[in-house]
Amino acid sequence: MNTDELKTILEQHKLWLEDEEGGMELSEGIPHGLRECHLRAVARIAELEEKQRWIPVSERLPEVYRNEDGEFIPFLVCEGDGDRPFIAMYGGTNWHAGIFVPDVTHWMPLPELPEVQE
């Protein structure tokens, strides 16, 4: 199930809970923790969407750009034309990708690496 499908189901669930003809209000009185479950799911979706969205550099730049070993953290970035995303590092004032300094307009953190099963 993808995020859009889950959002649709949660919206339908909310409408059912708020239905005046047989449903229940989205209130503290909903049995079996349905309200809490619904609110946790909505918050988790918002958290995941925030982690996966393109962030304009005009909005903000990475606050953390070095890992605990002092190495630069790679980010997925786009330049003005948005033609192809590529990997670049942010050094606190400039972006760097190999030997050139790209004109980055948007960035996002890379996803977590998959776990290697032995």
C-alpha atoms as a PDB file:
ATOM      1  CA  MET A   1       0.000   0.000   0.000  1.00  0.00           C
ATOM      2  CA  ASN A   2       1.462   3.373  -0.950  1.00  0.00           C
ATOM      3  CA  THR A   3       1.128   6.701   0.864  1.00  0.00           C
ATOM      4  CA  ASP A   4      -1.663   8.010  -1.372  1.00  0.00           C
ATOM      5  CA  GLU A   5      -3.764   4.886  -0.800  1.00  0.00           C
ATOM      6  CA  LEU A   6      -3.205   5.111   2.949  1.00  0.00           C
ATOM      7  CA  LYS A   7      -4.164   8.794   2.977  1.00  0.00           C
ATOM      8  CA  THR A   8      -7.382   8.000   1.087  1.00  0.00           C
ATOM      9  CA  ILE A   9      -8.285   5.242   3.547  1.00  0.00           C
ATOM     10  CA  LEU A  10      -7.609   7.533   6.510  1.00  0.00           C
ATOM     11  CA  GLU A  11      -9.739  10.298   5.011  1.00  0.00           C
ATOM     12  CA  GLN A  12     -12.585   7.822   4.442  1.00  0.00           C
ATOM     13  CA  HIS A  13     -12.140   6.587   8.007  1.00  0.00           C
ATOM     14  CA  LYS A  14     -12.324  10.153   9.317  1.00  0.00           C
ATOM     15  CA  LEU A  15     -15.508  10.805   7.319  1.00  0.00           C
ATOM     16  CA  TRP A  16     -17.047   7.613   8.679  1.00  0.00           C
ATOM     17  CA  LEU A  17     -16.164   8.615  12.228  1.00  0.00           C
ATOM     18  CA  GLU A  18     -17.675  12.071  11.740  1.00  0.00           C
ATOM     19  CA  ASP A  19     -20.810  10.829   9.936  1.00  0.00           C
ATOM     20  CA  GLU A  20     -23.884  12.112  11.749  1.00  0.00           C
ATOM     21  CA  GLU A  21     -25.963   9.137  10.644  1.00  0.00           C
ATOM     22  CA  GLY A  22     -24.469   6.181  12.419  1.00  0.00           C
ATOM     23  CA  GLY A  23     -20.843   7.145  12.588  1.00  0.00           C
ATOM     24  CA  MET A  24     -19.047   8.577  15.584  1.00  0.00           C
ATOM     25  CA  GLU A  25     -17.461  11.954  16.115  1.00  0.00           C
ATOM     26  CA  LEU A  26     -13.669  12.088  16.033  1.00  0.00           C
ATOM     27  CA  SER A  27     -13.486  12.609  19.781  1.00  0.00           C
ATOM     28  CA  GLU A  28     -11.948  11.156  22.905  1.00  0.00           C
ATOM     29  CA  GLY A  29     -14.900   8.768  23.265  1.00  0.00           C
ATOM     30  CA  ILE A  30     -14.092   6.552  20.284  1.00  0.00           C
ATOM     31  CA  PRO A  31     -13.614   2.985  21.547  1.00  0.00           C
ATOM     32  CA  HIS A  32     -10.568   0.731  21.148  1.00  0.00           C
ATOM     33  CA  GLY A  33      -8.137   3.585  20.524  1.00  0.00           C
ATOM     34  CA  LEU A  34      -9.404   4.288  16.999  1.00  0.00           C
ATOM     35  CA  ARG A  35      -8.935   8.023  17.421  1.00  0.00           C
ATOM     36  CA  GLU A  36      -5.373   7.653  18.699  1.00  0.00           C
ATOM     37  CA  CYS A  37      -4.532   5.175  15.946  1.00  0.00           C
ATOM     38  CA  HIS A  38      -5.947   7.530  13.316  1.00  0.00           C
ATOM     39  CA  LEU A  39      -4.031  10.537  14.671  1.00  0.00           C
ATOM     40  CA  ARG A  40      -0.760   8.566  14.881  1.00  0.00           C
ATOM     41  CA  ALA A  41      -1.166   7.376  11.291  1.00  0.00           C
ATOM     42  CA  VAL A  42      -1.872  10.904  10.026  1.00  0.00           C
ATOM     43  CA  ALA A  43       1.172  12.252  11.910  1.00  0.00           C
ATOM     44  CA  ARG A  44       3.393   9.464  10.526  1.00  0.00           C
ATOM     45  CA  ILE A  45       2.278  10.182   6.957  1.00  0.00           C
ATOM     46  CA  ALA A  46       3.090  13.886   7.414  1.00  0.00           C
ATOM     47  CA  GLU A  47       6.515  12.954   8.822  1.00  0.00           C
ATOM     48  CA  LEU A  48       7.295  10.652   5.880  1.00  0.00           C
ATOM     49  CA  GLU A  49       6.096  13.187   3.319  1.00  0.00           C
ATOM     50  CA  GLU A  50       8.319  15.856   4.893  1.00  0.00           C
ATOM     51  CA  LYS A  51      11.345  13.551   4.668  1.00  0.00           C
ATOM     52  CA  GLN A  52      10.689  12.812   0.984  1.00  0.00           C
ATOM     53  CA  ARG A  53       9.915  16.248  -0.401  1.00  0.00           C
ATOM     54  CA  TRP A  54      12.144  18.558  -2.415  1.00  0.00           C
ATOM     55  CA  ILE A  55      13.194  21.475  -0.207  1.00  0.00           C
ATOM     56  CA  PRO A  56      13.862  24.801  -1.960  1.00  0.00           C
ATOM     57  CA  VAL A  57      17.188  26.342  -0.891  1.00  0.00           C
ATOM     58  CA  SER A  58      15.251  29.603  -0.511  1.00  0.00           C
ATOM     59  CA  GLU A  59      13.231  27.889   2.255  1.00  0.00           C
ATOM     60  CA  ARG A  60      16.174  26.394   4.141  1.00  0.00           C
ATOM     61  CA  LEU A  61      19.527  24.686   3.816  1.00  0.00           C
ATOM     62  CA  PRO A  62      20.711  21.538   5.575  1.00  0.00           C
ATOM     63  CA  GLU A  63      21.361  22.233   9.255  1.00  0.00           C
ATOM     64  CA  VAL A  64      23.417  19.064   9.691  1.00  0.00           C
ATOM     65  CA  TYR A  65      25.828  18.409   6.836  1.00  0.00           C
ATOM     66  CA  ARG A  66      28.581  16.365   8.523  1.00  0.00           C
ATOM     67  CA  ASN A  67      28.203  12.958  10.131  1.00  0.00           C
ATOM     68  CA  GLU A  68      29.601  11.966  13.517  1.00  0.00           C
ATOM     69  CA  ASP A  69      32.970  11.182  11.869  1.00  0.00           C
ATOM     70  CA  GLY A  70      33.198  14.701  10.420  1.00  0.00           C
ATOM     71  CA  GLU A  71      32.557  13.513   6.840  1.00  0.00           C
ATOM     72  CA  PHE A  72      30.231  15.462   4.578  1.00  0.00           C
ATOM     73  CA  ILE A  73      26.744  13.997   4.194  1.00  0.00           C
ATOM     74  CA  PRO A  74      25.571  13.533   0.577  1.00  0.00           C
ATOM     75  CA  PHE A  75      22.232  15.018  -0.494  1.00  0.00           C
ATOM     76  CA  LEU A  76      20.104  14.574  -3.596  1.00  0.00           C
ATOM     77  CA  VAL A  77      19.960  17.961  -5.358  1.00  0.00           C
ATOM     78  CA  CYS A  78      18.552  19.662  -8.461  1.00  0.00           C
ATOM     79  CA  GLU A  79      19.795  22.690 -10.328  1.00  0.00           C
ATOM     80  CA  GLY A  80      17.632  25.403 -11.858  1.00  0.00           C
ATOM     81  CA  ASP A  81      16.548  23.416 -14.909  1.00  0.00           C
ATOM     82  CA  GLY A  82      15.488  20.455 -12.741  1.00  0.00           C
ATOM     83  CA  ASP A  83      16.519  18.155 -15.573  1.00  0.00           C
ATOM     84  CA  ARG A  84      18.287  15.462 -13.522  1.00  0.00           C
ATOM     85  CA  PRO A  85      18.853  15.110  -9.801  1.00  0.00           C
ATOM     86  CA  PHE A  86      22.377  14.305  -8.673  1.00  0.00           C
ATOM     87  CA  ILE A  87      24.378  13.873  -5.464  1.00  0.00           C
ATOM     88  CA  ALA A  88      26.169  16.835  -3.909  1.00  0.00           C
ATOM     89  CA  MET A  89      27.612  17.826  -0.547  1.00  0.00           C
ATOM     90  CA  TYR A  90      26.838  21.012   1.356  1.00  0.00           C
ATOM     91  CA  GLY A  91      29.754  22.639   3.145  1.00  0.00           C
ATOM     92  CA  GLY A  92      27.925  25.235   5.198  1.00  0.00           C
ATOM     93  CA  THR A  93      28.137  27.966   2.561  1.00  0.00           C
ATOM     94  CA  ASN A  94      28.396  26.239  -0.839  1.00  0.00           C
ATOM     95  CA  TRP A  95      27.325  23.038  -2.556  1.00  0.00           C
ATOM     96  CA  HIS A  96      30.023  20.805  -4.056  1.00  0.00           C
ATOM     97  CA  ALA A  97      29.741  17.954  -6.539  1.00  0.00           C
ATOM     98  CA  GLY A  98      33.139  16.674  -7.533  1.00  0.00           C
ATOM     99  CA  ILE A  99      35.156  19.493  -9.036  1.00  0.00           C
ATOM    100  CA  PHE A 100      32.306  21.907  -9.742  1.00  0.00           C
ATOM    101  CA  VAL A 101      30.007  24.041  -7.611  1.00  0.00           C
ATOM    102  CA  PRO A 102      26.449  23.477  -8.781  1.00  0.00           C
ATOM    103  CA  ASP A 103      23.710  26.121  -8.696  1.00  0.00           C
ATOM    104  CA  VAL A 104      21.419  24.080  -6.434  1.00  0.00           C
ATOM    105  CA  THR A 105      17.784  25.162  -6.233  1.00  0.00           C
ATOM    106  CA  HIS A 106      16.289  22.159  -4.354  1.00  0.00           C
ATOM    107  CA  TRP A 107      17.607  19.388  -2.126  1.00  0.00           C
ATOM    108  CA  MET A 108      16.463  16.421  -0.060  1.00  0.00           C
ATOM    109  CA  PRO A 109      18.123  13.899   2.232  1.00  0.00           C
ATOM    110  CA  LEU A 110      18.991  10.558   0.709  1.00  0.00           C
ATOM    111  CA  PRO A 111      16.819   7.653   1.871  1.00  0.00           C
ATOM    112  CA  GLU A 112      18.142   5.230   4.452  1.00  0.00           C
ATOM    113  CA  LEU A 113      20.292   2.454   3.005  1.00  0.00           C
ATOM    114  CA  PRO A 114      18.709  -1.002   2.908  1.00  0.00           C
ATOM    115  CA  GLU A 115      19.649  -3.472   5.584  1.00  0.00           C
ATOM    116  CA  VAL A 116      21.981  -6.170   4.318  1.00  0.00           C
ATOM    117  CA  GLN A 117      20.739  -9.623   5.246  1.00  0.00           C
ATOM    118  CA  GLU A 118      23.409 -12.266   5.522  1.00  0.00           C
END
